[in-house]
Amino acid sequence: MTTIAAPPSGAASTKTRRKVGNAVWGVVAWIAGIIFVFPVIWMILTSLKQAKDVTTNPPVWFFTPTFEHFTNVFDSNITPFLLNSLMASVFSTLLVVVLATPAAYALSLRPVAKWSDALFFFISTKMMPVVAAVLPVYLLTVKIGMKDNIWTMVILYTSMNLPLAIWMMRSFLLEVPREVLEAGEVDGAGLLTSIRRIILPIVSPGLAATALICFIFTWNEFFLAVNLTDTNASTAPIFLLGFISGRGPFLADLSAAAVLLSLPVLIAGWVAQNKLVRGLSMGAVK
């Protein structure tokens, strides 16, 4: 008769501790996820409540849903604000990607002279508070007649996101194997061909992650928009201001508007989720 030896007690205890540790971290992850998602869930529930149920204390958890507040949002002429935000976000994101990719290439795969100084200069522009620059920018836009112009916002959003995009793209480009580039050069591939056919397919997840982050930052930007736009170029965050009032309950309409304005970002993230996860994990495993 063959006897199967029992595993050592030390190995069994280690396996048990590992399972317990994984279970504990799983619980912690679920708790953290619920904490982060709870404000979104609360916003959605508030948008579906009757106006009289929104400000009750304690809160009403069981109620008859209504879409009246979403109707109020659409009746408030939301379309121009959405189009302005979409135009500013899409065009500025495209400009950022087009400008950041060659800049990151010159700072990673083909480093220029004093590349570290250039990197510090780019990131130093993010250290200054926006409020310190808004007054000269405001005066300049008024002087040249570009205030309340959507193209002014495109330029400002591009300059706002470009330093971050360069740093992100540089970290992704550093993951491109030099051997692949050298093989392409041996086969006669020029600079543009190497970027288009070798580099971009490899770093496309990182490119998608960078573009999505820039899109989110632009879509949610409020401070520049509220100071530099009036009626023609007002963006989606400015639209939310119209629902803040002291004349009665406004939280339900405000929550409905916030839910609608969150959908484009959620849809973009859902479409690019595979590349986003791969892009954010690039460089994590060697």
Protein backbone atom coordinates (compact mmCIF):
# COMPACT_ATOMS: atom_id res chain seq x y z
CA MET A 1 0.00 0.00 0.00
CA THR A 2 1.32 3.42 -0.98
CA THR A 3 1.29 6.04 1.74
CA ILE A 4 0.94 9.71 0.79
CA ALA A 5 3.06 11.88 2.99
CA ALA A 6 1.33 14.85 4.58
CA PRO A 7 2.74 18.27 3.69
CA PRO A 8 5.03 19.82 6.27
CA SER A 9 3.22 21.78 8.93
CA GLY A 10 5.28 24.88 8.10
CA ALA A 11 4.19 24.84 4.44
CA ALA A 12 0.53 24.35 5.45
CA SER A 13 0.64 27.25 7.89
CA THR A 14 2.29 29.47 5.27
CA LYS A 15 -0.42 28.60 2.75
CA THR A 16 -3.11 29.34 5.36
CA ARG A 17 -1.56 32.69 6.21
CA ARG A 18 -1.38 33.55 2.52
CA LYS A 19 -5.09 32.76 2.08
CA VAL A 20 -6.01 34.82 5.12
CA GLY A 21 -3.86 37.69 3.90
CA ASN A 22 -5.48 37.60 0.45
CA ALA A 23 -8.93 37.56 2.04
CA VAL A 24 -8.10 40.54 4.25
CA TRP A 25 -6.72 42.54 1.34
CA GLY A 26 -9.77 41.61 -0.71
CA VAL A 27 -12.07 42.97 2.00
CA VAL A 28 -9.97 46.15 2.23
CA ALA A 29 -10.18 46.58 -1.55
CA TRP A 30 -13.97 46.18 -1.51
CA ILE A 31 -14.32 48.70 1.33
CA ALA A 32 -12.10 51.21 -0.49
CA GLY A 33 -14.06 50.67 -3.72
CA ILE A 34 -17.39 51.22 -1.97
CA ILE A 35 -16.08 54.40 -0.32
CA PHE A 36 -14.94 55.81 -3.67
CA VAL A 37 -18.08 54.77 -5.56
CA PHE A 38 -20.59 55.75 -2.86
CA PRO A 39 -20.72 59.49 -3.82
CA VAL A 40 -21.53 58.47 -7.41
CA ILE A 41 -24.26 56.09 -6.22
CA TRP A 42 -25.66 58.82 -3.96
CA MET A 43 -25.66 61.29 -6.87
CA ILE A 44 -27.58 58.83 -9.08
CA LEU A 45 -30.11 58.07 -6.33
CA THR A 46 -30.62 61.78 -5.67
CA SER A 47 -31.26 62.43 -9.35
CA LEU A 48 -34.09 59.86 -9.28
CA LYS A 49 -35.82 61.13 -6.12
CA GLN A 50 -38.81 63.40 -5.86
CA ALA A 51 -37.87 66.95 -4.90
CA LYS A 52 -39.51 66.55 -1.48
CA ASP A 53 -37.43 63.43 -0.72
CA VAL A 54 -34.03 64.96 -1.47
CA THR A 55 -33.46 67.02 1.68
CA THR A 56 -35.16 64.80 4.25
CA ASN A 57 -33.29 63.86 7.42
CA PRO A 58 -32.77 60.96 7.78
CA PRO A 59 -32.41 60.25 4.06
CA VAL A 60 -35.12 58.39 2.19
CA TRP A 61 -33.80 55.07 0.86
CA PHE A 62 -37.01 53.67 -0.59
CA PHE A 63 -38.79 55.93 -3.04
CA THR A 64 -40.61 55.98 -6.36
CA PRO A 65 -38.09 56.87 -9.09
CA THR A 66 -38.80 59.80 -11.37
CA PHE A 67 -37.07 61.13 -14.47
CA GLU A 68 -38.53 64.60 -14.06
CA HIS A 69 -35.18 66.12 -13.15
CA PHE A 70 -33.51 64.78 -16.28
CA THR A 71 -36.32 66.38 -18.28
CA ASN A 72 -35.61 69.66 -16.51
CA VAL A 73 -31.95 69.41 -17.49
CA PHE A 74 -32.74 68.88 -21.17
CA ASP A 75 -35.20 71.76 -21.05
CA SER A 76 -32.39 74.01 -19.78
CA ASN A 77 -30.59 74.06 -23.15
CA ILE A 78 -27.70 71.77 -22.27
CA THR A 79 -26.64 71.13 -25.87
CA PRO A 80 -24.35 74.20 -26.43
CA PHE A 81 -22.47 73.48 -23.21
CA LEU A 82 -21.95 69.84 -24.15
CA LEU A 83 -20.77 70.75 -27.64
CA ASN A 84 -18.30 73.32 -26.27
CA SER A 85 -16.88 70.83 -23.77
CA LEU A 86 -16.69 68.10 -26.39
CA MET A 87 -14.96 70.38 -28.87
CA ALA A 88 -12.46 71.71 -26.32
CA SER A 89 -11.73 68.26 -24.91
CA VAL A 90 -11.33 66.45 -28.24
CA PHE A 91 -9.24 69.08 -30.02
CA SER A 92 -6.99 69.81 -27.04
CA THR A 93 -6.44 66.09 -26.44
CA LEU A 94 -5.51 65.54 -30.09
CA LEU A 95 -3.08 68.47 -29.96
CA VAL A 96 -1.55 67.16 -26.74
CA VAL A 97 -1.00 63.70 -28.22
CA VAL A 98 0.46 65.09 -31.45
CA LEU A 99 2.85 67.38 -29.58
CA ALA A 100 3.72 65.15 -26.63
CA THR A 101 4.71 62.06 -28.65
CA PRO A 102 7.66 63.56 -30.58
CA ALA A 103 8.70 65.57 -27.52
CA ALA A 104 8.76 62.41 -25.40
CA TYR A 105 10.64 60.62 -28.18
CA ALA A 106 13.34 63.29 -28.09
CA LEU A 107 13.56 62.95 -24.31
CA SER A 108 13.66 59.16 -24.12
CA LEU A 109 14.73 57.12 -27.15
CA ARG A 110 16.83 59.87 -28.75
CA PRO A 111 17.73 62.14 -25.82
CA VAL A 112 18.61 65.69 -26.80
CA ALA A 113 21.24 67.75 -25.03
CA LYS A 114 20.29 68.68 -21.45
CA TRP A 115 17.17 66.56 -21.64
CA SER A 116 16.88 66.50 -17.84
CA ASP A 117 16.66 70.31 -17.78
CA ALA A 118 13.91 70.17 -20.38
CA LEU A 119 11.97 67.64 -18.32
CA PHE A 120 12.27 69.80 -15.22
CA PHE A 121 11.11 72.84 -17.17
CA PHE A 122 8.02 70.99 -18.38
CA ILE A 123 7.02 69.76 -14.94
CA SER A 124 7.84 73.12 -13.30
CA THR A 125 5.00 74.70 -15.26
CA LYS A 126 2.61 72.52 -13.23
CA MET A 127 3.95 73.87 -9.94
CA MET A 128 2.46 77.33 -10.37
CA PRO A 129 -1.15 77.69 -9.18
CA VAL A 130 -3.58 78.44 -11.98
CA VAL A 131 -4.97 81.36 -10.02
CA ALA A 132 -1.58 83.09 -10.28
CA ALA A 133 -1.77 83.07 -14.08
CA VAL A 134 -5.45 83.72 -14.66
CA LEU A 135 -5.21 87.53 -14.42
CA PRO A 136 -2.51 88.03 -17.12
CA VAL A 137 -4.22 85.41 -19.29
CA TYR A 138 -7.53 87.21 -18.84
CA LEU A 139 -6.05 90.58 -19.76
CA LEU A 140 -4.27 89.09 -22.78
CA THR A 141 -7.40 87.40 -24.12
CA VAL A 142 -9.39 90.61 -23.71
CA LYS A 143 -6.64 92.62 -25.44
CA ILE A 144 -6.51 90.38 -28.51
CA GLY A 145 -10.27 89.85 -28.63
CA MET A 146 -10.15 86.13 -27.80
CA LYS A 147 -12.16 86.12 -24.58
CA ASP A 148 -15.20 83.84 -24.60
CA ASN A 149 -13.72 81.93 -27.55
CA ILE A 150 -13.63 78.13 -27.62
CA TRP A 151 -10.28 78.12 -29.45
CA THR A 152 -8.76 80.07 -26.59
CA MET A 153 -9.87 77.30 -24.26
CA VAL A 154 -8.41 74.68 -26.61
CA ILE A 155 -5.02 76.41 -26.51
CA LEU A 156 -5.11 76.81 -22.73
CA TYR A 157 -6.16 73.22 -22.12
CA THR A 158 -3.43 71.99 -24.46
CA SER A 159 -0.77 73.94 -22.58
CA MET A 160 -2.24 72.76 -19.27
CA ASN A 161 -2.07 69.03 -20.12
CA LEU A 162 1.04 68.97 -22.31
CA PRO A 163 3.69 68.73 -19.52
CA LEU A 164 1.92 65.80 -17.87
CA ALA A 165 1.44 64.06 -21.21
CA ILE A 166 5.15 64.43 -22.07
CA TRP A 167 6.18 62.85 -18.78
CA MET A 168 3.70 60.01 -19.20
CA MET A 169 4.63 59.32 -22.82
CA ARG A 170 8.33 59.40 -21.95
CA SER A 171 7.84 56.66 -19.34
CA PHE A 172 5.97 54.56 -21.91
CA LEU A 173 8.56 55.12 -24.66
CA LEU A 174 11.34 54.03 -22.33
CA GLU A 175 9.74 50.57 -22.43
CA VAL A 176 10.29 50.25 -26.20
CA PRO A 177 13.16 47.75 -26.78
CA ARG A 178 16.13 49.40 -28.44
CA GLU A 179 16.77 46.20 -30.40
CA VAL A 180 13.45 46.63 -32.24
CA LEU A 181 14.37 50.17 -33.29
CA GLU A 182 17.82 49.07 -34.40
CA ALA A 183 16.31 46.24 -36.46
CA GLY A 184 14.00 48.74 -38.13
CA GLU A 185 16.92 51.04 -38.95
CA VAL A 186 18.81 48.12 -40.46
CA ASP A 187 15.79 47.44 -42.70
CA GLY A 188 15.87 51.07 -43.84
CA ALA A 189 13.06 52.51 -41.73
CA GLY A 190 13.31 56.28 -41.32
CA LEU A 191 12.24 58.33 -38.33
CA LEU A 192 8.59 58.72 -39.34
CA THR A 193 8.32 55.08 -40.37
CA SER A 194 9.82 53.92 -37.06
CA ILE A 195 7.38 56.07 -35.10
CA ARG A 196 4.34 55.04 -37.15
CA ARG A 197 5.01 51.31 -37.59
CA ILE A 198 7.19 50.36 -34.63
CA ILE A 199 6.86 52.75 -31.72
CA LEU A 200 3.16 53.69 -31.82
CA PRO A 201 1.86 50.08 -31.99
CA ILE A 202 3.98 49.20 -28.95
CA VAL A 203 3.01 52.21 -26.84
CA SER A 204 -0.62 52.44 -28.02
CA PRO A 205 -1.95 51.40 -24.57
CA GLY A 206 0.10 54.16 -22.96
CA LEU A 207 -1.04 56.59 -25.62
CA ALA A 208 -4.67 55.71 -24.90
CA ALA A 209 -4.13 56.15 -21.16
CA THR A 210 -2.51 59.54 -21.69
CA ALA A 211 -5.26 60.71 -24.05
CA LEU A 212 -8.01 59.57 -21.68
CA ILE A 213 -6.46 61.32 -18.66
CA CYS A 214 -6.05 64.55 -20.65
CA PHE A 215 -9.65 64.25 -21.87
CA ILE A 216 -10.92 63.84 -18.29
CA PHE A 217 -8.87 66.79 -17.01
CA THR A 218 -10.17 69.00 -19.81
CA TRP A 219 -13.79 67.89 -19.50
CA ASN A 220 -13.82 68.61 -15.75
CA GLU A 221 -11.85 71.88 -15.83
CA PHE A 222 -13.79 74.69 -14.16
CA PHE A 223 -11.55 77.55 -13.02
CA LEU A 224 -10.34 78.78 -16.42
CA ALA A 225 -13.75 78.26 -17.98
CA VAL A 226 -15.60 80.28 -15.36
CA ASN A 227 -13.15 83.20 -15.69
CA LEU A 228 -12.59 83.26 -19.45
CA THR A 229 -16.00 82.38 -20.89
CA ASP A 230 -19.36 84.14 -20.83
CA THR A 231 -22.03 82.78 -23.18
CA ASN A 232 -20.45 81.57 -26.43
CA ALA A 233 -17.77 79.23 -25.06
CA SER A 234 -19.20 78.12 -21.71
CA THR A 235 -18.42 74.47 -21.00
CA ALA A 236 -20.27 71.70 -19.17
CA PRO A 237 -19.01 72.52 -15.63
CA ILE A 238 -20.35 76.07 -16.08
CA PHE A 239 -23.73 74.60 -16.96
CA LEU A 240 -23.94 73.08 -13.48
CA LEU A 241 -23.81 76.53 -11.91
CA GLY A 242 -27.27 77.27 -13.28
CA PHE A 243 -28.77 74.65 -10.95
CA ILE A 244 -27.33 76.12 -7.76
CA SER A 245 -29.97 78.40 -6.34
CA GLY A 246 -31.18 79.68 -2.99
CA ARG A 247 -34.82 79.73 -4.04
CA GLY A 248 -35.61 76.15 -3.09
CA PRO A 249 -34.44 72.52 -3.50
CA PHE A 250 -31.98 72.23 -6.34
CA LEU A 251 -29.99 69.11 -5.44
CA ALA A 252 -32.12 66.76 -7.54
CA ASP A 253 -31.76 68.80 -10.74
CA LEU A 254 -28.06 69.36 -9.99
CA SER A 255 -27.50 65.62 -9.49
CA ALA A 256 -29.34 64.81 -12.73
CA ALA A 257 -27.19 67.30 -14.63
CA ALA A 258 -24.03 65.89 -13.04
CA VAL A 259 -25.03 62.35 -14.03
CA LEU A 260 -25.57 63.39 -17.65
CA LEU A 261 -22.30 65.32 -17.80
CA SER A 262 -20.41 62.34 -16.38
CA LEU A 263 -21.60 60.00 -19.12
CA PRO A 264 -19.12 61.06 -21.87
CA VAL A 265 -16.15 60.42 -19.59
CA LEU A 266 -17.59 57.11 -18.41
CA ILE A 267 -18.24 56.02 -22.00
CA ALA A 268 -14.72 57.01 -23.07
CA GLY A 269 -13.23 55.09 -20.15
CA TRP A 270 -15.37 52.04 -20.90
CA VAL A 271 -14.39 52.03 -24.58
CA ALA A 272 -10.67 52.37 -23.79
CA GLN A 273 -10.62 50.26 -20.62
CA ASN A 274 -8.45 47.46 -22.02
CA LYS A 275 -5.79 49.79 -23.36
CA LEU A 276 -6.10 51.97 -20.26
CA VAL A 277 -5.29 49.09 -17.90
CA ARG A 278 -2.40 47.94 -20.08
CA GLY A 279 -1.11 51.50 -20.42
CA LEU A 280 -1.18 52.24 -16.70
CA SER A 281 0.63 48.96 -16.00
CA MET A 282 3.38 49.47 -18.58
CA GLY A 283 6.76 49.29 -16.89
CA ALA A 284 5.37 47.60 -13.78
CA VAL A 285 6.84 44.23 -14.77
CA LYS A 286 10.29 43.95 -16.26
